[in-house]
C-alpha atoms as a PDB file:
ATOM      1  CA  MET A   1      -5.309  19.310 -11.063  1.00  0.00           C
ATOM      2  CA  PHE A   2      -3.788  22.253  -9.271  1.00  0.00           C
ATOM      3  CA  GLN A   3      -1.579  24.752 -11.055  1.00  0.00           C
ATOM      4  CA  SER A   4       0.923  24.646  -8.202  1.00  0.00           C
ATOM      5  CA  PRO A   5       2.523  21.355  -7.084  1.00  0.00           C
ATOM      6  CA  TRP A   6       2.946  22.898  -3.635  1.00  0.00           C
ATOM      7  CA  ILE A   7      -0.813  23.179  -3.182  1.00  0.00           C
ATOM      8  CA  ALA A   8      -1.202  19.580  -4.349  1.00  0.00           C
ATOM      9  CA  LEU A   9       1.450  18.567  -1.819  1.00  0.00           C
ATOM     10  CA  ALA A  10      -0.372  20.344   1.001  1.00  0.00           C
ATOM     11  CA  VAL A  11      -3.692  18.692   0.147  1.00  0.00           C
ATOM     12  CA  THR A  12      -2.043  15.267  -0.122  1.00  0.00           C
ATOM     13  CA  PHE A  13      -0.325  15.711   3.244  1.00  0.00           C
ATOM     14  CA  VAL A  14      -3.564  16.725   4.931  1.00  0.00           C
ATOM     15  CA  LEU A  15      -5.509  13.767   3.527  1.00  0.00           C
ATOM     16  CA  ALA A  16      -2.775  11.213   4.281  1.00  0.00           C
ATOM     17  CA  LEU A  17      -2.131  12.432   7.817  1.00  0.00           C
ATOM     18  CA  THR A  18      -5.849  12.712   8.568  1.00  0.00           C
ATOM     19  CA  TRP A  19      -6.337   9.074   7.549  1.00  0.00           C
ATOM     20  CA  LEU A  20      -3.309   7.978   9.590  1.00  0.00           C
ATOM     21  CA  ARG A  21      -4.171   9.891  12.753  1.00  0.00           C
ATOM     22  CA  LEU A  22      -7.853   8.918  12.553  1.00  0.00           C
ATOM     23  CA  ASN A  23      -6.913   5.257  12.640  1.00  0.00           C
ATOM     24  CA  ASP A  24      -4.383   5.886  15.413  1.00  0.00           C
ATOM     25  CA  ALA A  25      -7.115   7.492  17.531  1.00  0.00           C
ATOM     26  CA  VAL A  26      -9.660   4.752  16.841  1.00  0.00           C
ATOM     27  CA  ALA A  27      -7.169   2.018  17.797  1.00  0.00           C
ATOM     28  CA  GLN A  28      -5.982   3.822  20.922  1.00  0.00           C
ATOM     29  CA  ARG A  29      -9.580   4.118  22.160  1.00  0.00           C
ATOM     30  CA  GLY A  30      -9.986   0.378  21.725  1.00  0.00           C
ATOM     31  CA  TRP A  31     -12.738   0.619  19.115  1.00  0.00           C
ATOM     32  CA  ILE A  32     -10.726  -1.668  16.859  1.00  0.00           C
ATOM     33  CA  SER A  33      -7.673  -3.791  17.564  1.00  0.00           C
ATOM     34  CA  GLY A  34      -4.147  -2.669  16.826  1.00  0.00           C
ATOM     35  CA  PRO A  35      -3.578  -5.363  14.178  1.00  0.00           C
ATOM     36  CA  LEU A  36      -6.832  -4.474  12.394  1.00  0.00           C
ATOM     37  CA  SER A  37      -6.001  -0.765  12.522  1.00  0.00           C
ATOM     38  CA  ARG A  38      -2.561  -1.503  11.109  1.00  0.00           C
ATOM     39  CA  LYS A  39      -4.082  -3.288   8.126  1.00  0.00           C
ATOM     40  CA  ILE A  40      -6.770  -0.654   7.572  1.00  0.00           C
ATOM     41  CA  ILE A  41      -3.996   1.957   7.430  1.00  0.00           C
ATOM     42  CA  HIS A  42      -2.038  -0.347   5.141  1.00  0.00           C
ATOM     43  CA  THR A  43      -5.017  -0.859   2.826  1.00  0.00           C
ATOM     44  CA  GLY A  44      -6.394   2.670   2.657  1.00  0.00           C
ATOM     45  CA  THR A  45      -3.298   4.867   2.596  1.00  0.00           C
ATOM     46  CA  GLY A  46      -2.128   3.747  -0.839  1.00  0.00           C
ATOM     47  CA  PRO A  47      -5.277   4.477  -2.864  1.00  0.00           C
ATOM     48  CA  ILE A  48      -5.664   7.885  -1.196  1.00  0.00           C
ATOM     49  CA  PHE A  49      -2.065   8.774  -1.966  1.00  0.00           C
ATOM     50  CA  VAL A  50      -2.046   7.511  -5.563  1.00  0.00           C
ATOM     51  CA  LEU A  51      -5.322   9.263  -6.400  1.00  0.00           C
ATOM     52  CA  CYS A  52      -3.795  12.466  -5.050  1.00  0.00           C
ATOM     53  CA  TRP A  53      -1.155  12.232  -7.796  1.00  0.00           C
ATOM     54  CA  LEU A  54      -3.886  13.466 -10.110  1.00  0.00           C
ATOM     55  CA  LEU A  55      -3.806  16.788  -8.243  1.00  0.00           C
ATOM     56  CA  PHE A  56      -0.210  17.451  -9.281  1.00  0.00           C
ATOM     57  CA  PRO A  57       0.629  19.347 -12.484  1.00  0.00           C
ATOM     58  CA  ASP A  58       2.821  17.700 -15.104  1.00  0.00           C
ATOM     59  CA  VAL A  59       6.141  19.176 -14.024  1.00  0.00           C
ATOM     60  CA  THR A  60       9.327  17.422 -12.936  1.00  0.00           C
ATOM     61  CA  LEU A  61       9.062  18.745  -9.395  1.00  0.00           C
ATOM     62  CA  SER A  62       5.709  17.041  -8.814  1.00  0.00           C
ATOM     63  CA  ARG A  63       6.956  13.488  -8.308  1.00  0.00           C
ATOM     64  CA  TRP A  64       9.589  14.674  -5.839  1.00  0.00           C
ATOM     65  CA  LEU A  65       7.109  16.669  -3.825  1.00  0.00           C
ATOM     66  CA  ALA A  66       4.596  13.814  -3.854  1.00  0.00           C
ATOM     67  CA  ALA A  67       7.284  11.426  -2.583  1.00  0.00           C
ATOM     68  CA  LEU A  68       7.764  13.712   0.422  1.00  0.00           C
ATOM     69  CA  VAL A  69       4.438  12.463   1.806  1.00  0.00           C
ATOM     70  CA  PRO A  70       5.392   8.773   2.230  1.00  0.00           C
ATOM     71  CA  PHE A  71       8.939   9.864   3.075  1.00  0.00           C
ATOM     72  CA  ALA A  72       7.716  11.978   5.996  1.00  0.00           C
ATOM     73  CA  ILE A  73       5.477   9.168   7.228  1.00  0.00           C
ATOM     74  CA  THR A  74       8.355   6.691   6.868  1.00  0.00           C
ATOM     75  CA  VAL A  75      10.603   8.953   8.944  1.00  0.00           C
ATOM     76  CA  GLN A  76       7.860   9.021  11.569  1.00  0.00           C
ATOM     77  CA  PHE A  77       7.738   5.209  11.520  1.00  0.00           C
ATOM     78  CA  PHE A  78      11.505   5.099  12.060  1.00  0.00           C
ATOM     79  CA  LEU A  79      11.483   7.615  14.899  1.00  0.00           C
ATOM     80  CA  VAL A  80       8.594   5.901  16.694  1.00  0.00           C
ATOM     81  CA  GLY A  81      10.011   2.418  16.111  1.00  0.00           C
ATOM     82  CA  THR A  82      13.406   3.359  17.521  1.00  0.00           C
ATOM     83  CA  GLY A  83      11.868   5.129  20.497  1.00  0.00           C
ATOM     84  CA  ILE A  84      13.221   8.560  19.576  1.00  0.00           C
ATOM     85  CA  TRP A  85       9.656   9.852  19.213  1.00  0.00           C
ATOM     86  CA  ARG A  86       7.166   8.643  21.803  1.00  0.00           C
ATOM     87  CA  ASP A  87       3.787   8.115  20.146  1.00  0.00           C
ATOM     88  CA  PRO A  88       1.654   5.502  21.969  1.00  0.00           C
ATOM     89  CA  ALA A  89      -1.258   5.934  19.553  1.00  0.00           C
ATOM     90  CA  ALA A  90       0.948   5.102  16.560  1.00  0.00           C
ATOM     91  CA  VAL A  91       2.442   2.089  18.347  1.00  0.00           C
ATOM     92  CA  THR A  92      -1.031   0.760  19.197  1.00  0.00           C
ATOM     93  CA  ALA A  93      -2.270   1.290  15.639  1.00  0.00           C
ATOM     94  CA  MET A  94       0.720  -0.143  13.773  1.00  0.00           C
ATOM     95  CA  SER A  95       1.995  -3.006  15.895  1.00  0.00           C
ATOM     96  CA  ARG A  96       0.514  -6.419  16.564  1.00  0.00           C
ATOM     97  CA  SER A  97       1.817  -6.876  20.088  1.00  0.00           C
ATOM     98  CA  GLY A  98       2.334  -3.298  21.260  1.00  0.00           C
ATOM     99  CA  ASP A  99       6.087  -3.508  20.706  1.00  0.00           C
ATOM    100  CA  ARG A 100       7.229  -0.318  18.939  1.00  0.00           C
ATOM    101  CA  ARG A 101      10.073  -2.223  17.258  1.00  0.00           C
ATOM    102  CA  GLU A 102       7.567  -4.010  15.024  1.00  0.00           C
ATOM    103  CA  ILE A 103       7.136  -0.700  13.173  1.00  0.00           C
ATOM    104  CA  LEU A 104      10.730  -1.028  11.957  1.00  0.00           C
ATOM    105  CA  ARG A 105       9.738  -4.021   9.857  1.00  0.00           C
ATOM    106  CA  GLY A 106       6.446  -4.148   7.906  1.00  0.00           C
ATOM    107  CA  PRO A 107       5.335  -0.495   8.242  1.00  0.00           C
ATOM    108  CA  LEU A 108       8.817   0.875   7.574  1.00  0.00           C
ATOM    109  CA  PHE A 109       9.247  -1.324   4.488  1.00  0.00           C
ATOM    110  CA  TYR A 110       5.793  -0.217   3.315  1.00  0.00           C
ATOM    111  CA  GLY A 111       6.820   3.444   3.465  1.00  0.00           C
ATOM    112  CA  ILE A 112      10.146   2.874   1.726  1.00  0.00           C
ATOM    113  CA  VAL A 113       8.441   1.040  -1.142  1.00  0.00           C
ATOM    114  CA  PHE A 114       6.021   3.927  -1.614  1.00  0.00           C
ATOM    115  CA  VAL A 115       8.843   6.455  -1.809  1.00  0.00           C
ATOM    116  CA  VAL A 116      10.851   4.410  -4.309  1.00  0.00           C
ATOM    117  CA  LEU A 117       7.943   3.526  -6.622  1.00  0.00           C
ATOM    118  CA  THR A 118       6.671   7.104  -6.593  1.00  0.00           C
ATOM    119  CA  LEU A 119      10.036   8.443  -7.697  1.00  0.00           C
ATOM    120  CA  VAL A 120      10.776   5.720 -10.251  1.00  0.00           C
ATOM    121  CA  TYR A 121       7.390   5.258 -11.961  1.00  0.00           C
ATOM    122  CA  TRP A 122       5.120   8.171 -10.986  1.00  0.00           C
ATOM    123  CA  LYS A 123       2.395   8.643 -13.642  1.00  0.00           C
ATOM    124  CA  ASP A 124       4.717   7.561 -16.461  1.00  0.00           C
ATOM    125  CA  SER A 125       3.692   3.910 -16.295  1.00  0.00           C
ATOM    126  CA  PRO A 126       1.057   1.723 -14.609  1.00  0.00           C
ATOM    127  CA  ILE A 127       3.820  -0.482 -13.212  1.00  0.00           C
ATOM    128  CA  GLY A 128       4.319   1.447  -9.986  1.00  0.00           C
ATOM    129  CA  ILE A 129       0.608   1.966  -9.379  1.00  0.00           C
ATOM    130  CA  VAL A 130      -0.222  -1.714  -9.916  1.00  0.00           C
ATOM    131  CA  ALA A 131       2.593  -2.754  -7.562  1.00  0.00           C
ATOM    132  CA  LEU A 132       1.380  -0.345  -4.885  1.00  0.00           C
ATOM    133  CA  MET A 133      -2.244  -1.395  -5.220  1.00  0.00           C
ATOM    134  CA  LEU A 134      -1.267  -5.051  -5.001  1.00  0.00           C
ATOM    135  CA  LEU A 135       0.584  -4.188  -1.811  1.00  0.00           C
ATOM    136  CA  CYS A 136      -2.370  -2.246  -0.378  1.00  0.00           C
ATOM    137  CA  GLY A 137      -5.455  -4.077  -1.575  1.00  0.00           C
ATOM    138  CA  GLY A 138      -3.928  -7.503  -1.901  1.00  0.00           C
ATOM    139  CA  ASP A 139      -1.634  -7.883   1.072  1.00  0.00           C
ATOM    140  CA  GLY A 140      -3.940  -5.789   3.241  1.00  0.00           C
ATOM    141  CA  MET A 141      -7.074  -7.778   2.459  1.00  0.00           C
ATOM    142  CA  ALA A 142      -5.198 -11.076   2.826  1.00  0.00           C
ATOM    143  CA  ASP A 143      -4.461 -10.256   6.446  1.00  0.00           C
ATOM    144  CA  ILE A 144      -7.860  -8.718   7.245  1.00  0.00           C
ATOM    145  CA  LEU A 145      -9.965 -11.526   5.732  1.00  0.00           C
ATOM    146  CA  GLY A 146      -7.513 -14.374   6.143  1.00  0.00           C
ATOM    147  CA  SER A 147      -7.818 -14.305   9.925  1.00  0.00           C
ATOM    148  CA  ARG A 148     -11.629 -14.108   9.767  1.00  0.00           C
ATOM    149  CA  LEU A 149     -12.483 -16.680   7.105  1.00  0.00           C
ATOM    150  CA  ILE A 150     -12.523 -20.275   8.266  1.00  0.00           C
ATOM    151  CA  THR A 151     -10.562 -21.997   5.509  1.00  0.00           C
ATOM    152  CA  ALA A 152      -7.791 -24.554   5.276  1.00  0.00           C
ATOM    153  CA  ARG A 153      -4.239 -23.547   6.004  1.00  0.00           C
ATOM    154  CA  LEU A 154      -1.673 -23.613   3.230  1.00  0.00           C
ATOM    155  CA  PRO A 155       0.498 -26.773   3.330  1.00  0.00           C
ATOM    156  CA  TRP A 156       3.703 -24.782   2.812  1.00  0.00           C
ATOM    157  CA  ALA A 157       2.851 -21.935   5.202  1.00  0.00           C
ATOM    158  CA  SER A 158       0.849 -22.957   8.263  1.00  0.00           C
ATOM    159  CA  GLY A 159       0.375 -19.334   9.319  1.00  0.00           C
ATOM    160  CA  LYS A 160      -1.526 -18.518   6.112  1.00  0.00           C
ATOM    161  CA  THR A 161      -4.843 -19.738   4.722  1.00  0.00           C
ATOM    162  CA  VAL A 162      -6.532 -20.428   1.426  1.00  0.00           C
ATOM    163  CA  GLY A 163      -9.051 -17.676   2.204  1.00  0.00           C
ATOM    164  CA  GLY A 164      -6.281 -15.184   2.853  1.00  0.00           C
ATOM    165  CA  SER A 165      -4.579 -16.040  -0.426  1.00  0.00           C
ATOM    166  CA  LEU A 166      -7.820 -15.662  -2.377  1.00  0.00           C
ATOM    167  CA  ALA A 167      -8.426 -12.328  -0.646  1.00  0.00           C
ATOM    168  CA  MET A 168      -4.923 -11.306  -1.725  1.00  0.00           C
ATOM    169  CA  LEU A 169      -5.688 -12.210  -5.335  1.00  0.00           C
ATOM    170  CA  VAL A 170      -9.116 -10.568  -5.536  1.00  0.00           C
ATOM    171  CA  GLY A 171      -8.284  -7.540  -3.402  1.00  0.00           C
ATOM    172  CA  GLY A 172      -5.084  -6.747  -5.277  1.00  0.00           C
ATOM    173  CA  TRP A 173      -6.751  -7.167  -8.654  1.00  0.00           C
ATOM    174  CA  ILE A 174      -9.739  -4.979  -7.754  1.00  0.00           C
ATOM    175  CA  PHE A 175      -7.639  -2.200  -6.252  1.00  0.00           C
ATOM    176  CA  ALA A 176      -5.211  -2.195  -9.189  1.00  0.00           C
ATOM    177  CA  ILE A 177      -7.992  -2.281 -11.789  1.00  0.00           C
ATOM    178  CA  GLY A 178      -9.937   0.453 -10.002  1.00  0.00           C
ATOM    179  CA  ILE A 179      -7.045   2.922  -9.891  1.00  0.00           C
ATOM    180  CA  THR A 180      -5.962   2.013 -13.426  1.00  0.00           C
ATOM    181  CA  ALA A 181      -9.510   2.673 -14.643  1.00  0.00           C
ATOM    182  CA  VAL A 182      -9.380   6.147 -13.087  1.00  0.00           C
ATOM    183  CA  TYR A 183      -6.055   6.885 -14.755  1.00  0.00           C
ATOM    184  CA  THR A 184      -7.187   5.656 -18.154  1.00  0.00           C
ATOM    185  CA  ALA A 185     -10.409   7.689 -17.849  1.00  0.00           C
ATOM    186  CA  ALA A 186      -8.250  10.732 -17.083  1.00  0.00           C
ATOM    187  CA  GLY A 187      -6.230  10.067 -20.253  1.00  0.00           C
ATOM    188  CA  ILE A 188      -2.980   9.451 -18.391  1.00  0.00           C
ATOM    189  CA  PHE A 189      -2.630   5.800 -19.400  1.00  0.00           C
ATOM    190  CA  PRO A 190      -3.354   4.952 -23.067  1.00  0.00           C
ATOM    191  CA  GLY A 191      -6.210   2.777 -24.301  1.00  0.00           C
ATOM    192  CA  SER A 192      -9.142   1.275 -22.454  1.00  0.00           C
ATOM    193  CA  PHE A 193      -8.713  -0.114 -18.963  1.00  0.00           C
ATOM    194  CA  ILE A 194     -10.121  -3.399 -20.329  1.00  0.00           C
ATOM    195  CA  HIS A 195      -6.736  -3.990 -21.940  1.00  0.00           C
ATOM    196  CA  TYR A 196      -5.173  -3.968 -18.483  1.00  0.00           C
ATOM    197  CA  LEU A 197      -7.457  -6.645 -17.020  1.00  0.00           C
ATOM    198  CA  LEU A 198      -5.425  -9.693 -18.032  1.00  0.00           C
ATOM    199  CA  PRO A 199      -1.931  -8.306 -17.267  1.00  0.00           C
ATOM    200  CA  ILE A 200      -3.072  -7.087 -13.861  1.00  0.00           C
ATOM    201  CA  GLY A 201      -4.742 -10.440 -13.232  1.00  0.00           C
ATOM    202  CA  LEU A 202      -1.477 -12.262 -13.938  1.00  0.00           C
ATOM    203  CA  ILE A 203       0.454  -9.872 -11.712  1.00  0.00           C
ATOM    204  CA  ALA A 204      -2.103 -10.319  -8.924  1.00  0.00           C
ATOM    205  CA  LEU A 205      -1.798 -14.104  -9.253  1.00  0.00           C
ATOM    206  CA  ALA A 206       1.984 -13.874  -8.955  1.00  0.00           C
ATOM    207  CA  GLY A 207       1.591 -11.558  -5.982  1.00  0.00           C
ATOM    208  CA  MET A 208      -0.721 -14.067  -4.310  1.00  0.00           C
ATOM    209  CA  ILE A 209       1.828 -16.847  -4.744  1.00  0.00           C
ATOM    210  CA  THR A 210       4.605 -14.614  -3.435  1.00  0.00           C
ATOM    211  CA  GLU A 211       2.567 -13.544  -0.403  1.00  0.00           C
ATOM    212  CA  SER A 212       1.771 -17.173   0.399  1.00  0.00           C
ATOM    213  CA  LEU A 213       5.423 -18.062   0.942  1.00  0.00           C
ATOM    214  CA  PRO A 214       6.500 -18.674   4.561  1.00  0.00           C
ATOM    215  CA  LEU A 215       8.559 -15.479   4.760  1.00  0.00           C
ATOM    216  CA  LYS A 216       7.964 -13.324   7.831  1.00  0.00           C
ATOM    217  CA  ASP A 217       7.692  -9.512   7.713  1.00  0.00           C
ATOM    218  CA  VAL A 218       9.001  -9.116   4.148  1.00  0.00           C
ATOM    219  CA  ASP A 219       5.724  -9.221   2.170  1.00  0.00           C
ATOM    220  CA  ASN A 220       5.905  -5.456   1.811  1.00  0.00           C
ATOM    221  CA  LEU A 221       9.118  -5.931  -0.161  1.00  0.00           C
ATOM    222  CA  THR A 222       8.615  -9.209  -2.038  1.00  0.00           C
ATOM    223  CA  VAL A 223       5.075  -8.540  -3.321  1.00  0.00           C
ATOM    224  CA  PRO A 224       5.836  -5.177  -4.993  1.00  0.00           C
ATOM    225  CA  ALA A 225       9.150  -6.560  -6.268  1.00  0.00           C
ATOM    226  CA  ILE A 226       7.466  -9.380  -8.200  1.00  0.00           C
ATOM    227  CA  ALA A 227       4.758  -6.977  -9.391  1.00  0.00           C
ATOM    228  CA  VAL A 228       7.368  -4.582 -10.798  1.00  0.00           C
ATOM    229  CA  LEU A 229       9.273  -7.389 -12.498  1.00  0.00           C
ATOM    230  CA  LEU A 230       6.161  -8.745 -14.217  1.00  0.00           C
ATOM    231  CA  GLY A 231       4.971  -5.236 -14.966  1.00  0.00           C
ATOM    232  CA  HIS A 232       8.026  -4.666 -17.143  1.00  0.00           C
ATOM    233  CA  LEU A 233       7.239  -7.873 -19.020  1.00  0.00           C
ATOM    234  CA  LEU A 234       3.486  -7.353 -19.447  1.00  0.00           C
ATOM    235  CA  PHE A 235       2.988  -3.609 -19.946  1.00  0.00           C
END
């Protein structure tokens, strides 16, 4: 933990932007596809950001400064998606078809959720962290593995598969448990992380069901919403 929240902010910015631009560069060079890069960004950004919260001192200003990181990235998404800021590497990395306007849906919602949950929950409760990790590990892994595992399609959502849903469940649970374990080990959340296993499992199950619904481009809103609602009931 740094004594100054400003130093913590600078380190968080550097790590987040390095991860983002690295994936932009890799996708632009054609080493990985745009859709895969988009999901790698989606999956990895959250854990990096939430672990960086541990660098911030326990002062009121910290949560506001930390929220500047996803806010700045969200503003970038908006500017690139609207065409105000020309950034071909970002478009390649964060869109499925190469259309910059796609960034105004999933990626923009993703950034907004991070800003809101950072400000509302911060390190005061595991609710925000679990919701974010379900969004990153769960929804991210569902897309990455779902398109690569040969499994049956869901009867109620032909664009989604059983393998993708299971990846959502397992990925979200593992990511949420992993970060929660770090926070309990640091003494920020009370008790042993073992006590969080069942509640997080139930939240991950609900997130899986929510993600499986045939709703296009709103998973980044519906999944954290159900996680927050259940979090208030279970924690």
